[in-house]
Amino acid sequence: MKVKTVVVTGANGYIGRHVVKSLLDMGYQVKAIDLVTDGVDPRAEISQMSVFGGDPDIYQKLGEPDVVIHMAWRNGFVHNADTHILDIPGHYTFIKNLFEGGLKQIAIMGTMHEVGYWEGAIDENTPTNPRSLYGMSKNILRQIALQIAGEHGGVCQWLRAYYIIGDDLKNHSVFTKISEMAEAGKPTFPFTSGKNQYDFLDVEELARQIAAAATQDEITGIINCCSGKPVSLADKVEEFIAEHGYKIRPDFGAYPDRPYDSPGIWGDAARIRQIMSRIL
């Protein structure tokens, strides 16, 4: 059987480097694309390049892969950066040129921030009403990508991520801040009530889910890459502190809860569990 070739854009990003490793561990041929590639698994074929130059022959230039996992995105941790909106034409042209060149399948990184305020589980039919430029841009890109793939008879998978943990010094989350303050010897850190519930997933498991979802073509469209289990932020913070042996303590209630944060939001994991059951 022919081994699938997979191109990963944004391969040196926080999630991308883990996805490259997971694909390689699963036996796929991987071409890793990014502007800087110092953290990419050396087993991959590595290329330092931009995919946003508008090249109409980009599919051929990438070696005519079976699948493209598109994760390249600027300023993902800065939710109201102008670049989210300004970069949309580049993503559109890249995806359009891939399918016009002959690509059959693309998987693109999505986010819970497309949905905006929501209480309860999110599935593939949940309406979206994003409240940040980041969420708005991802929402637009999902619509564009599904439209283009449909016009060309191709497959598009939108891999929607939730609250990602692990590799904590690289993810710019509250856990990064806790680690930094703990390393600095601070005894406490100010925090909200911590009562809000989220869907937490370690970045290595997220990468395995992305790799598994993108290398099959029976389950398509929106796929939640998630645990499917709501956990309070307070419980996850306490767990994180205990796991790392930190002495620092959260000062719960020092910051008010933000009125636009959902009291509980998580992913419906039915589709990803079906995918993962096939590789176990």
C-alpha atoms as a PDB file:
ATOM      1  CA  MET A   1       0.000   0.000   0.000  1.00  0.00           C
ATOM      2  CA  LYS A   2       1.252   3.471  -0.893  1.00  0.00           C
ATOM      3  CA  VAL A   3       2.252   5.522   2.146  1.00  0.00           C
ATOM      4  CA  LYS A   4       0.356   8.806   2.299  1.00  0.00           C
ATOM      5  CA  THR A   5       2.351  11.993   1.969  1.00  0.00           C
ATOM      6  CA  VAL A   6       1.241  14.826   4.231  1.00  0.00           C
ATOM      7  CA  VAL A   7       2.258  18.475   4.081  1.00  0.00           C
ATOM      8  CA  VAL A   8       2.026  20.400   7.358  1.00  0.00           C
ATOM      9  CA  THR A   9       2.095  24.191   7.203  1.00  0.00           C
ATOM     10  CA  GLY A  10       2.962  26.050  10.394  1.00  0.00           C
ATOM     11  CA  ALA A  11       4.996  22.957  11.248  1.00  0.00           C
ATOM     12  CA  ASN A  12       7.191  24.742  13.788  1.00  0.00           C
ATOM     13  CA  GLY A  13       4.287  26.218  15.749  1.00  0.00           C
ATOM     14  CA  TYR A  14       3.156  25.279  19.235  1.00  0.00           C
ATOM     15  CA  ILE A  15       0.804  22.586  17.894  1.00  0.00           C
ATOM     16  CA  GLY A  16       2.461  21.983  14.519  1.00  0.00           C
ATOM     17  CA  ARG A  17       5.671  20.433  15.800  1.00  0.00           C
ATOM     18  CA  HIS A  18       3.656  17.873  17.775  1.00  0.00           C
ATOM     19  CA  VAL A  19       1.493  17.078  14.738  1.00  0.00           C
ATOM     20  CA  VAL A  20       4.588  16.450  12.606  1.00  0.00           C
ATOM     21  CA  LYS A  21       5.934  14.030  15.228  1.00  0.00           C
ATOM     22  CA  SER A  22       2.610  12.199  15.511  1.00  0.00           C
ATOM     23  CA  LEU A  23       2.351  11.754  11.739  1.00  0.00           C
ATOM     24  CA  LEU A  24       5.898  10.429  11.548  1.00  0.00           C
ATOM     25  CA  ASP A  25       5.283   8.043  14.449  1.00  0.00           C
ATOM     26  CA  MET A  26       2.211   6.769  12.567  1.00  0.00           C
ATOM     27  CA  GLY A  27       4.359   5.991   9.515  1.00  0.00           C
ATOM     28  CA  TYR A  28       3.404   8.793   7.122  1.00  0.00           C
ATOM     29  CA  GLN A  29       5.772  10.717   4.863  1.00  0.00           C
ATOM     30  CA  VAL A  30       5.772  14.296   6.125  1.00  0.00           C
ATOM     31  CA  LYS A  31       6.856  17.536   4.507  1.00  0.00           C
ATOM     32  CA  ALA A  32       7.100  20.216   7.187  1.00  0.00           C
ATOM     33  CA  ILE A  33       6.706  23.832   6.037  1.00  0.00           C
ATOM     34  CA  ASP A  34       7.395  26.972   8.067  1.00  0.00           C
ATOM     35  CA  LEU A  35       9.405  30.194   7.977  1.00  0.00           C
ATOM     36  CA  VAL A  36      11.541  28.962  10.886  1.00  0.00           C
ATOM     37  CA  THR A  37      12.019  25.219  11.388  1.00  0.00           C
ATOM     38  CA  ASP A  38      14.413  24.850  14.324  1.00  0.00           C
ATOM     39  CA  GLY A  39      11.972  22.783  16.419  1.00  0.00           C
ATOM     40  CA  VAL A  40      10.715  20.436  13.701  1.00  0.00           C
ATOM     41  CA  ASP A  41      11.309  16.685  13.971  1.00  0.00           C
ATOM     42  CA  PRO A  42      14.348  16.009  11.720  1.00  0.00           C
ATOM     43  CA  ARG A  43      12.732  12.839  10.348  1.00  0.00           C
ATOM     44  CA  ALA A  44      10.475  15.063   8.239  1.00  0.00           C
ATOM     45  CA  GLU A  45      11.376  16.621   4.907  1.00  0.00           C
ATOM     46  CA  ILE A  46      11.782  20.221   6.042  1.00  0.00           C
ATOM     47  CA  SER A  47      11.306  23.340   3.919  1.00  0.00           C
ATOM     48  CA  GLN A  48      11.664  26.952   5.010  1.00  0.00           C
ATOM     49  CA  MET A  49       9.173  28.818   2.858  1.00  0.00           C
ATOM     50  CA  SER A  50       5.978  30.871   2.859  1.00  0.00           C
ATOM     51  CA  VAL A  51       2.866  29.377   1.338  1.00  0.00           C
ATOM     52  CA  PHE A  52       1.214  32.778   0.969  1.00  0.00           C
ATOM     53  CA  GLY A  53       3.008  34.036  -2.125  1.00  0.00           C
ATOM     54  CA  GLY A  54       0.050  33.364  -4.409  1.00  0.00           C
ATOM     55  CA  ASP A  55       1.890  30.746  -6.493  1.00  0.00           C
ATOM     56  CA  PRO A  56      -0.689  29.059  -8.770  1.00  0.00           C
ATOM     57  CA  ASP A  57       1.518  25.960  -8.916  1.00  0.00           C
ATOM     58  CA  ILE A  58       1.855  25.617  -5.126  1.00  0.00           C
ATOM     59  CA  TYR A  59       0.392  22.092  -5.141  1.00  0.00           C
ATOM     60  CA  GLN A  60       3.086  20.900  -7.525  1.00  0.00           C
ATOM     61  CA  LYS A  61       5.768  22.843  -5.638  1.00  0.00           C
ATOM     62  CA  LEU A  62       4.765  20.985  -2.455  1.00  0.00           C
ATOM     63  CA  GLY A  63       5.216  17.637  -4.206  1.00  0.00           C
ATOM     64  CA  GLU A  64       1.526  16.864  -4.912  1.00  0.00           C
ATOM     65  CA  PRO A  65       0.770  15.536  -1.412  1.00  0.00           C
ATOM     66  CA  ASP A  66      -2.211  13.344  -0.549  1.00  0.00           C
ATOM     67  CA  VAL A  67      -3.205  15.632   2.329  1.00  0.00           C
ATOM     68  CA  VAL A  68      -2.374  19.163   3.453  1.00  0.00           C
ATOM     69  CA  ILE A  69      -2.761  20.009   7.139  1.00  0.00           C
ATOM     70  CA  HIS A  70      -2.928  23.797   7.162  1.00  0.00           C
ATOM     71  CA  MET A  71      -1.891  25.211  10.528  1.00  0.00           C
ATOM     72  CA  ALA A  72       0.070  28.318   9.510  1.00  0.00           C
ATOM     73  CA  TRP A  73      -1.424  31.313  11.319  1.00  0.00           C
ATOM     74  CA  ARG A  74       0.069  34.505  12.711  1.00  0.00           C
ATOM     75  CA  ASN A  75      -0.539  35.893  16.205  1.00  0.00           C
ATOM     76  CA  GLY A  76      -2.825  33.088  17.325  1.00  0.00           C
ATOM     77  CA  PHE A  77      -2.381  34.089  20.963  1.00  0.00           C
ATOM     78  CA  VAL A  78      -3.288  37.757  20.286  1.00  0.00           C
ATOM     79  CA  HIS A  79      -7.002  37.534  19.649  1.00  0.00           C
ATOM     80  CA  ASN A  80      -7.574  41.057  18.324  1.00  0.00           C
ATOM     81  CA  ALA A  81      -4.472  41.410  16.130  1.00  0.00           C
ATOM     82  CA  ASP A  82      -5.215  43.046  12.759  1.00  0.00           C
ATOM     83  CA  THR A  83      -3.277  40.306  10.983  1.00  0.00           C
ATOM     84  CA  HIS A  84      -6.130  37.832  11.481  1.00  0.00           C
ATOM     85  CA  ILE A  85      -8.318  39.809   9.086  1.00  0.00           C
ATOM     86  CA  LEU A  86      -5.532  41.054   6.816  1.00  0.00           C
ATOM     87  CA  ASP A  87      -4.180  37.538   6.175  1.00  0.00           C
ATOM     88  CA  ILE A  88      -7.488  36.008   5.018  1.00  0.00           C
ATOM     89  CA  PRO A  89      -6.854  36.716   1.280  1.00  0.00           C
ATOM     90  CA  GLY A  90      -3.550  34.808   1.514  1.00  0.00           C
ATOM     91  CA  HIS A  91      -5.249  31.777   3.066  1.00  0.00           C
ATOM     92  CA  TYR A  92      -8.008  31.929   0.437  1.00  0.00           C
ATOM     93  CA  THR A  93      -5.548  32.049  -2.470  1.00  0.00           C
ATOM     94  CA  PHE A  94      -3.420  29.238  -0.999  1.00  0.00           C
ATOM     95  CA  ILE A  95      -6.383  26.898  -0.526  1.00  0.00           C
ATOM     96  CA  LYS A  96      -7.903  27.781  -3.917  1.00  0.00           C
ATOM     97  CA  ASN A  97      -4.601  27.162  -5.735  1.00  0.00           C
ATOM     98  CA  LEU A  98      -4.125  23.830  -3.946  1.00  0.00           C
ATOM     99  CA  PHE A  99      -7.487  22.482  -5.118  1.00  0.00           C
ATOM    100  CA  GLU A 100      -7.155  23.927  -8.605  1.00  0.00           C
ATOM    101  CA  GLY A 101      -3.760  22.208  -8.791  1.00  0.00           C
ATOM    102  CA  GLY A 102      -5.233  18.823  -7.916  1.00  0.00           C
ATOM    103  CA  LEU A 103      -5.331  18.494  -4.109  1.00  0.00           C
ATOM    104  CA  LYS A 104      -8.007  16.059  -2.906  1.00  0.00           C
ATOM    105  CA  GLN A 105      -7.964  16.607   0.870  1.00  0.00           C
ATOM    106  CA  ILE A 106      -7.194  19.439   3.272  1.00  0.00           C
ATOM    107  CA  ALA A 107      -7.468  19.608   7.063  1.00  0.00           C
ATOM    108  CA  ILE A 108      -7.409  23.053   8.659  1.00  0.00           C
ATOM    109  CA  MET A 109      -6.934  24.109  12.263  1.00  0.00           C
ATOM    110  CA  GLY A 110     -10.042  25.618  13.816  1.00  0.00           C
ATOM    111  CA  THR A 111     -10.844  26.988  17.263  1.00  0.00           C
ATOM    112  CA  MET A 112     -13.641  27.142  19.818  1.00  0.00           C
ATOM    113  CA  HIS A 113     -13.340  30.931  19.483  1.00  0.00           C
ATOM    114  CA  GLU A 114     -15.301  30.714  16.212  1.00  0.00           C
ATOM    115  CA  VAL A 115     -18.365  29.892  18.273  1.00  0.00           C
ATOM    116  CA  GLY A 116     -18.255  32.840  20.658  1.00  0.00           C
ATOM    117  CA  TYR A 117     -20.441  32.705  23.751  1.00  0.00           C
ATOM    118  CA  TRP A 118     -22.030  29.302  24.210  1.00  0.00           C
ATOM    119  CA  GLU A 119     -23.171  27.258  27.178  1.00  0.00           C
ATOM    120  CA  GLY A 120     -22.800  23.499  26.958  1.00  0.00           C
ATOM    121  CA  ALA A 121     -21.405  21.126  24.361  1.00  0.00           C
ATOM    122  CA  ILE A 122     -20.385  22.301  20.877  1.00  0.00           C
ATOM    123  CA  ASP A 123     -20.993  19.993  17.935  1.00  0.00           C
ATOM    124  CA  GLU A 124     -20.703  20.387  14.172  1.00  0.00           C
ATOM    125  CA  ASN A 125     -24.129  22.066  14.009  1.00  0.00           C
ATOM    126  CA  THR A 126     -23.606  24.665  16.746  1.00  0.00           C
ATOM    127  CA  PRO A 127     -24.177  28.205  15.397  1.00  0.00           C
ATOM    128  CA  THR A 128     -21.185  30.547  15.431  1.00  0.00           C
ATOM    129  CA  ASN A 129     -21.073  34.143  16.646  1.00  0.00           C
ATOM    130  CA  PRO A 130     -17.386  34.955  17.261  1.00  0.00           C
ATOM    131  CA  ARG A 131     -16.394  37.921  19.440  1.00  0.00           C
ATOM    132  CA  SER A 132     -12.741  38.460  18.502  1.00  0.00           C
ATOM    133  CA  LEU A 133     -10.896  39.121  15.249  1.00  0.00           C
ATOM    134  CA  TYR A 134      -9.215  35.740  15.688  1.00  0.00           C
ATOM    135  CA  GLY A 135     -12.551  33.920  15.995  1.00  0.00           C
ATOM    136  CA  MET A 136     -14.112  35.928  13.161  1.00  0.00           C
ATOM    137  CA  SER A 137     -11.225  35.160  10.822  1.00  0.00           C
ATOM    138  CA  LYS A 138     -11.240  31.447  11.567  1.00  0.00           C
ATOM    139  CA  ASN A 139     -15.001  31.432  11.082  1.00  0.00           C
ATOM    140  CA  ILE A 140     -14.609  33.045   7.648  1.00  0.00           C
ATOM    141  CA  LEU A 141     -11.799  30.675   6.681  1.00  0.00           C
ATOM    142  CA  ARG A 142     -13.901  27.639   7.580  1.00  0.00           C
ATOM    143  CA  GLN A 143     -16.699  28.839   5.300  1.00  0.00           C
ATOM    144  CA  ILE A 144     -14.249  29.601   2.490  1.00  0.00           C
ATOM    145  CA  ALA A 145     -12.427  26.267   2.737  1.00  0.00           C
ATOM    146  CA  LEU A 146     -15.580  24.147   2.820  1.00  0.00           C
ATOM    147  CA  GLN A 147     -16.919  26.069  -0.185  1.00  0.00           C
ATOM    148  CA  ILE A 148     -13.734  25.646  -2.253  1.00  0.00           C
ATOM    149  CA  ALA A 149     -13.370  21.951  -1.410  1.00  0.00           C
ATOM    150  CA  GLY A 150     -17.003  21.344  -2.336  1.00  0.00           C
ATOM    151  CA  GLU A 151     -16.625  23.101  -5.679  1.00  0.00           C
ATOM    152  CA  HIS A 152     -13.704  20.811  -6.561  1.00  0.00           C
ATOM    153  CA  GLY A 153     -15.181  17.585  -5.218  1.00  0.00           C
ATOM    154  CA  GLY A 154     -12.502  17.479  -2.522  1.00  0.00           C
ATOM    155  CA  VAL A 155     -12.467  16.758   1.194  1.00  0.00           C
ATOM    156  CA  CYS A 156     -12.202  19.482   3.821  1.00  0.00           C
ATOM    157  CA  GLN A 157     -11.893  18.746   7.518  1.00  0.00           C
ATOM    158  CA  TRP A 158     -12.150  21.579   9.995  1.00  0.00           C
ATOM    159  CA  LEU A 159     -10.356  20.491  13.168  1.00  0.00           C
ATOM    160  CA  ARG A 160     -11.754  22.574  16.012  1.00  0.00           C
ATOM    161  CA  ALA A 161      -9.521  22.780  19.088  1.00  0.00           C
ATOM    162  CA  TYR A 162     -10.468  23.845  22.614  1.00  0.00           C
ATOM    163  CA  TYR A 163      -8.328  24.615  25.699  1.00  0.00           C
ATOM    164  CA  ILE A 164      -4.869  23.262  24.944  1.00  0.00           C
ATOM    165  CA  ILE A 165      -2.403  22.422  27.718  1.00  0.00           C
ATOM    166  CA  GLY A 166       1.060  20.871  27.824  1.00  0.00           C
ATOM    167  CA  ASP A 167       4.409  22.130  26.493  1.00  0.00           C
ATOM    168  CA  ASP A 168       3.435  24.964  28.782  1.00  0.00           C
ATOM    169  CA  LEU A 169       6.299  27.384  28.274  1.00  0.00           C
ATOM    170  CA  LYS A 170       5.324  27.683  24.602  1.00  0.00           C
ATOM    171  CA  ASN A 171       1.547  28.038  24.759  1.00  0.00           C
ATOM    172  CA  HIS A 172       1.065  31.528  26.287  1.00  0.00           C
ATOM    173  CA  SER A 173      -1.788  30.268  28.496  1.00  0.00           C
ATOM    174  CA  VAL A 174      -2.571  30.859  32.147  1.00  0.00           C
ATOM    175  CA  PHE A 175      -0.462  27.767  32.828  1.00  0.00           C
ATOM    176  CA  THR A 176       2.523  29.438  31.194  1.00  0.00           C
ATOM    177  CA  LYS A 177       2.066  32.399  33.533  1.00  0.00           C
ATOM    178  CA  ILE A 178       1.772  30.116  36.564  1.00  0.00           C
ATOM    179  CA  SER A 179       5.009  28.353  35.596  1.00  0.00           C
ATOM    180  CA  GLU A 180       6.817  31.654  35.116  1.00  0.00           C
ATOM    181  CA  MET A 181       5.652  33.035  38.472  1.00  0.00           C
ATOM    182  CA  ALA A 182       6.423  29.782  40.272  1.00  0.00           C
ATOM    183  CA  GLU A 183       9.934  29.714  38.790  1.00  0.00           C
ATOM    184  CA  ALA A 184      10.356  33.329  39.966  1.00  0.00           C
ATOM    185  CA  GLY A 185       9.539  32.243  43.525  1.00  0.00           C
ATOM    186  CA  LYS A 186       6.266  34.125  43.911  1.00  0.00           C
ATOM    187  CA  PRO A 187       4.044  32.670  46.671  1.00  0.00           C
ATOM    188  CA  THR A 188       0.674  33.511  45.073  1.00  0.00           C
ATOM    189  CA  PHE A 189      -0.847  34.689  41.834  1.00  0.00           C
ATOM    190  CA  PRO A 190      -4.092  36.626  41.302  1.00  0.00           C
ATOM    191  CA  PHE A 191      -6.863  34.684  39.628  1.00  0.00           C
ATOM    192  CA  THR A 192     -10.576  34.681  38.809  1.00  0.00           C
ATOM    193  CA  SER A 193     -13.045  32.484  40.716  1.00  0.00           C
ATOM    194  CA  GLY A 194     -11.978  29.578  38.498  1.00  0.00           C
ATOM    195  CA  LYS A 195     -15.549  28.284  38.357  1.00  0.00           C
ATOM    196  CA  ASN A 196     -15.815  28.361  34.553  1.00  0.00           C
ATOM    197  CA  GLN A 197     -15.650  24.921  32.956  1.00  0.00           C
ATOM    198  CA  TYR A 198     -13.650  24.189  29.799  1.00  0.00           C
ATOM    199  CA  ASP A 199     -12.546  21.291  27.615  1.00  0.00           C
ATOM    200  CA  PHE A 200      -8.841  20.702  28.337  1.00  0.00           C
ATOM    201  CA  LEU A 201      -6.627  18.547  26.124  1.00  0.00           C
ATOM    202  CA  ASP A 202      -2.895  17.953  26.258  1.00  0.00           C
ATOM    203  CA  VAL A 203      -1.143  19.145  23.108  1.00  0.00           C
ATOM    204  CA  GLU A 204       0.335  15.693  22.422  1.00  0.00           C
ATOM    205  CA  GLU A 205      -3.106  14.073  22.465  1.00  0.00           C
ATOM    206  CA  LEU A 206      -4.444  16.933  20.350  1.00  0.00           C
ATOM    207  CA  ALA A 207      -1.681  16.252  17.827  1.00  0.00           C
ATOM    208  CA  ARG A 208      -2.594  12.557  17.700  1.00  0.00           C
ATOM    209  CA  GLN A 209      -6.228  13.478  17.087  1.00  0.00           C
ATOM    210  CA  ILE A 210      -5.287  15.917  14.317  1.00  0.00           C
ATOM    211  CA  ALA A 211      -3.016  13.365  12.646  1.00  0.00           C
ATOM    212  CA  ALA A 212      -5.658  10.633  12.849  1.00  0.00           C
ATOM    213  CA  ALA A 213      -8.494  12.832  11.588  1.00  0.00           C
ATOM    214  CA  ALA A 214      -6.507  14.245   8.667  1.00  0.00           C
ATOM    215  CA  THR A 215      -5.330  10.881   7.366  1.00  0.00           C
ATOM    216  CA  GLN A 216      -8.822   9.417   6.922  1.00  0.00           C
ATOM    217  CA  ASP A 217     -11.549  10.710   4.629  1.00  0.00           C
ATOM    218  CA  GLU A 218     -14.752   9.058   5.841  1.00  0.00           C
ATOM    219  CA  ILE A 219     -15.514  11.623   8.554  1.00  0.00           C
ATOM    220  CA  THR A 220     -15.299  15.118   7.117  1.00  0.00           C
ATOM    221  CA  GLY A 221     -16.431  18.672   7.799  1.00  0.00           C
ATOM    222  CA  ILE A 222     -16.222  20.006  11.356  1.00  0.00           C
ATOM    223  CA  ILE A 223     -14.471  17.630  13.747  1.00  0.00           C
ATOM    224  CA  ASN A 224     -14.020  18.572  17.392  1.00  0.00           C
ATOM    225  CA  CYS A 225     -10.525  17.718  18.613  1.00  0.00           C
ATOM    226  CA  CYS A 226     -11.242  17.586  22.310  1.00  0.00           C
ATOM    227  CA  SER A 227     -11.743  15.516  25.453  1.00  0.00           C
ATOM    228  CA  GLY A 228     -15.507  16.008  25.553  1.00  0.00           C
ATOM    229  CA  LYS A 229     -15.300  16.529  29.327  1.00  0.00           C
ATOM    230  CA  PRO A 230     -15.916  19.883  31.070  1.00  0.00           C
ATOM    231  CA  VAL A 231     -13.495  20.598  33.939  1.00  0.00           C
ATOM    232  CA  SER A 232     -13.440  23.733  36.085  1.00  0.00           C
ATOM    233  CA  LEU A 233     -10.486  26.035  35.579  1.00  0.00           C
ATOM    234  CA  ALA A 234      -9.869  25.986  39.350  1.00  0.00           C
ATOM    235  CA  ASP A 235      -9.602  22.183  39.393  1.00  0.00           C
ATOM    236  CA  LYS A 236      -7.260  22.189  36.400  1.00  0.00           C
ATOM    237  CA  VAL A 237      -5.050  24.873  37.980  1.00  0.00           C
ATOM    238  CA  GLU A 238      -4.812  22.912  41.239  1.00  0.00           C
ATOM    239  CA  GLU A 239      -3.977  19.755  39.264  1.00  0.00           C
ATOM    240  CA  PHE A 240      -1.316  21.595  37.265  1.00  0.00           C
ATOM    241  CA  ILE A 241       0.342  22.999  40.405  1.00  0.00           C
ATOM    242  CA  ALA A 242       0.357  19.565  42.089  1.00  0.00           C
ATOM    243  CA  GLU A 243       1.750  17.791  38.999  1.00  0.00           C
ATOM    244  CA  HIS A 244       4.664  20.236  38.786  1.00  0.00           C
ATOM    245  CA  GLY A 245       5.353  20.328  42.514  1.00  0.00           C
ATOM    246  CA  TYR A 246       4.960  24.107  42.676  1.00  0.00           C
ATOM    247  CA  LYS A 247       4.458  25.854  46.012  1.00  0.00           C
ATOM    248  CA  ILE A 248       2.683  28.841  44.499  1.00  0.00           C
ATOM    249  CA  ARG A 249      -1.002  29.226  45.377  1.00  0.00           C
ATOM    250  CA  PRO A 250      -3.858  30.800  43.400  1.00  0.00           C
ATOM    251  CA  ASP A 251      -5.628  33.790  44.927  1.00  0.00           C
ATOM    252  CA  PHE A 252      -9.105  32.874  43.699  1.00  0.00           C
ATOM    253  CA  GLY A 253     -11.428  35.849  43.265  1.00  0.00           C
ATOM    254  CA  ALA A 254      -8.663  38.464  42.996  1.00  0.00           C
ATOM    255  CA  TYR A 255      -9.859  39.159  39.453  1.00  0.00           C
ATOM    256  CA  PRO A 256     -13.562  39.351  38.547  1.00  0.00           C
ATOM    257  CA  ASP A 257     -14.924  36.769  36.138  1.00  0.00           C
ATOM    258  CA  ARG A 258     -15.350  38.243  32.663  1.00  0.00           C
ATOM    259  CA  PRO A 259     -19.038  38.658  31.793  1.00  0.00           C
ATOM    260  CA  TYR A 260     -18.523  37.388  28.224  1.00  0.00           C
ATOM    261  CA  ASP A 261     -16.916  34.085  29.288  1.00  0.00           C
ATOM    262  CA  SER A 262     -19.202  31.069  29.187  1.00  0.00           C
ATOM    263  CA  PRO A 263     -19.762  29.342  32.544  1.00  0.00           C
ATOM    264  CA  GLY A 264     -19.258  26.036  30.747  1.00  0.00           C
ATOM    265  CA  ILE A 265     -18.202  25.177  27.189  1.00  0.00           C
ATOM    266  CA  TRP A 266     -16.790  21.953  25.784  1.00  0.00           C
ATOM    267  CA  GLY A 267     -16.630  19.889  22.622  1.00  0.00           C
ATOM    268  CA  ASP A 268     -18.860  17.014  21.590  1.00  0.00           C
ATOM    269  CA  ALA A 269     -16.266  14.261  21.128  1.00  0.00           C
ATOM    270  CA  ALA A 270     -18.437  11.681  19.334  1.00  0.00           C
ATOM    271  CA  ARG A 271     -16.824  12.091  15.902  1.00  0.00           C
ATOM    272  CA  ILE A 272     -13.197  12.200  17.101  1.00  0.00           C
ATOM    273  CA  ARG A 273     -13.771   9.162  19.322  1.00  0.00           C
ATOM    274  CA  GLN A 274     -15.031   7.273  16.272  1.00  0.00           C
ATOM    275  CA  ILE A 275     -11.874   8.266  14.382  1.00  0.00           C
ATOM    276  CA  MET A 276      -9.504   7.428  17.245  1.00  0.00           C
ATOM    277  CA  SER A 277     -11.120   4.017  17.830  1.00  0.00           C
ATOM    278  CA  ARG A 278      -9.838   2.945  14.425  1.00  0.00           C
ATOM    279  CA  ILE A 279      -6.167   3.504  15.227  1.00  0.00           C
ATOM    280  CA  LEU A 280      -6.053   1.979  18.719  1.00  0.00           C
END
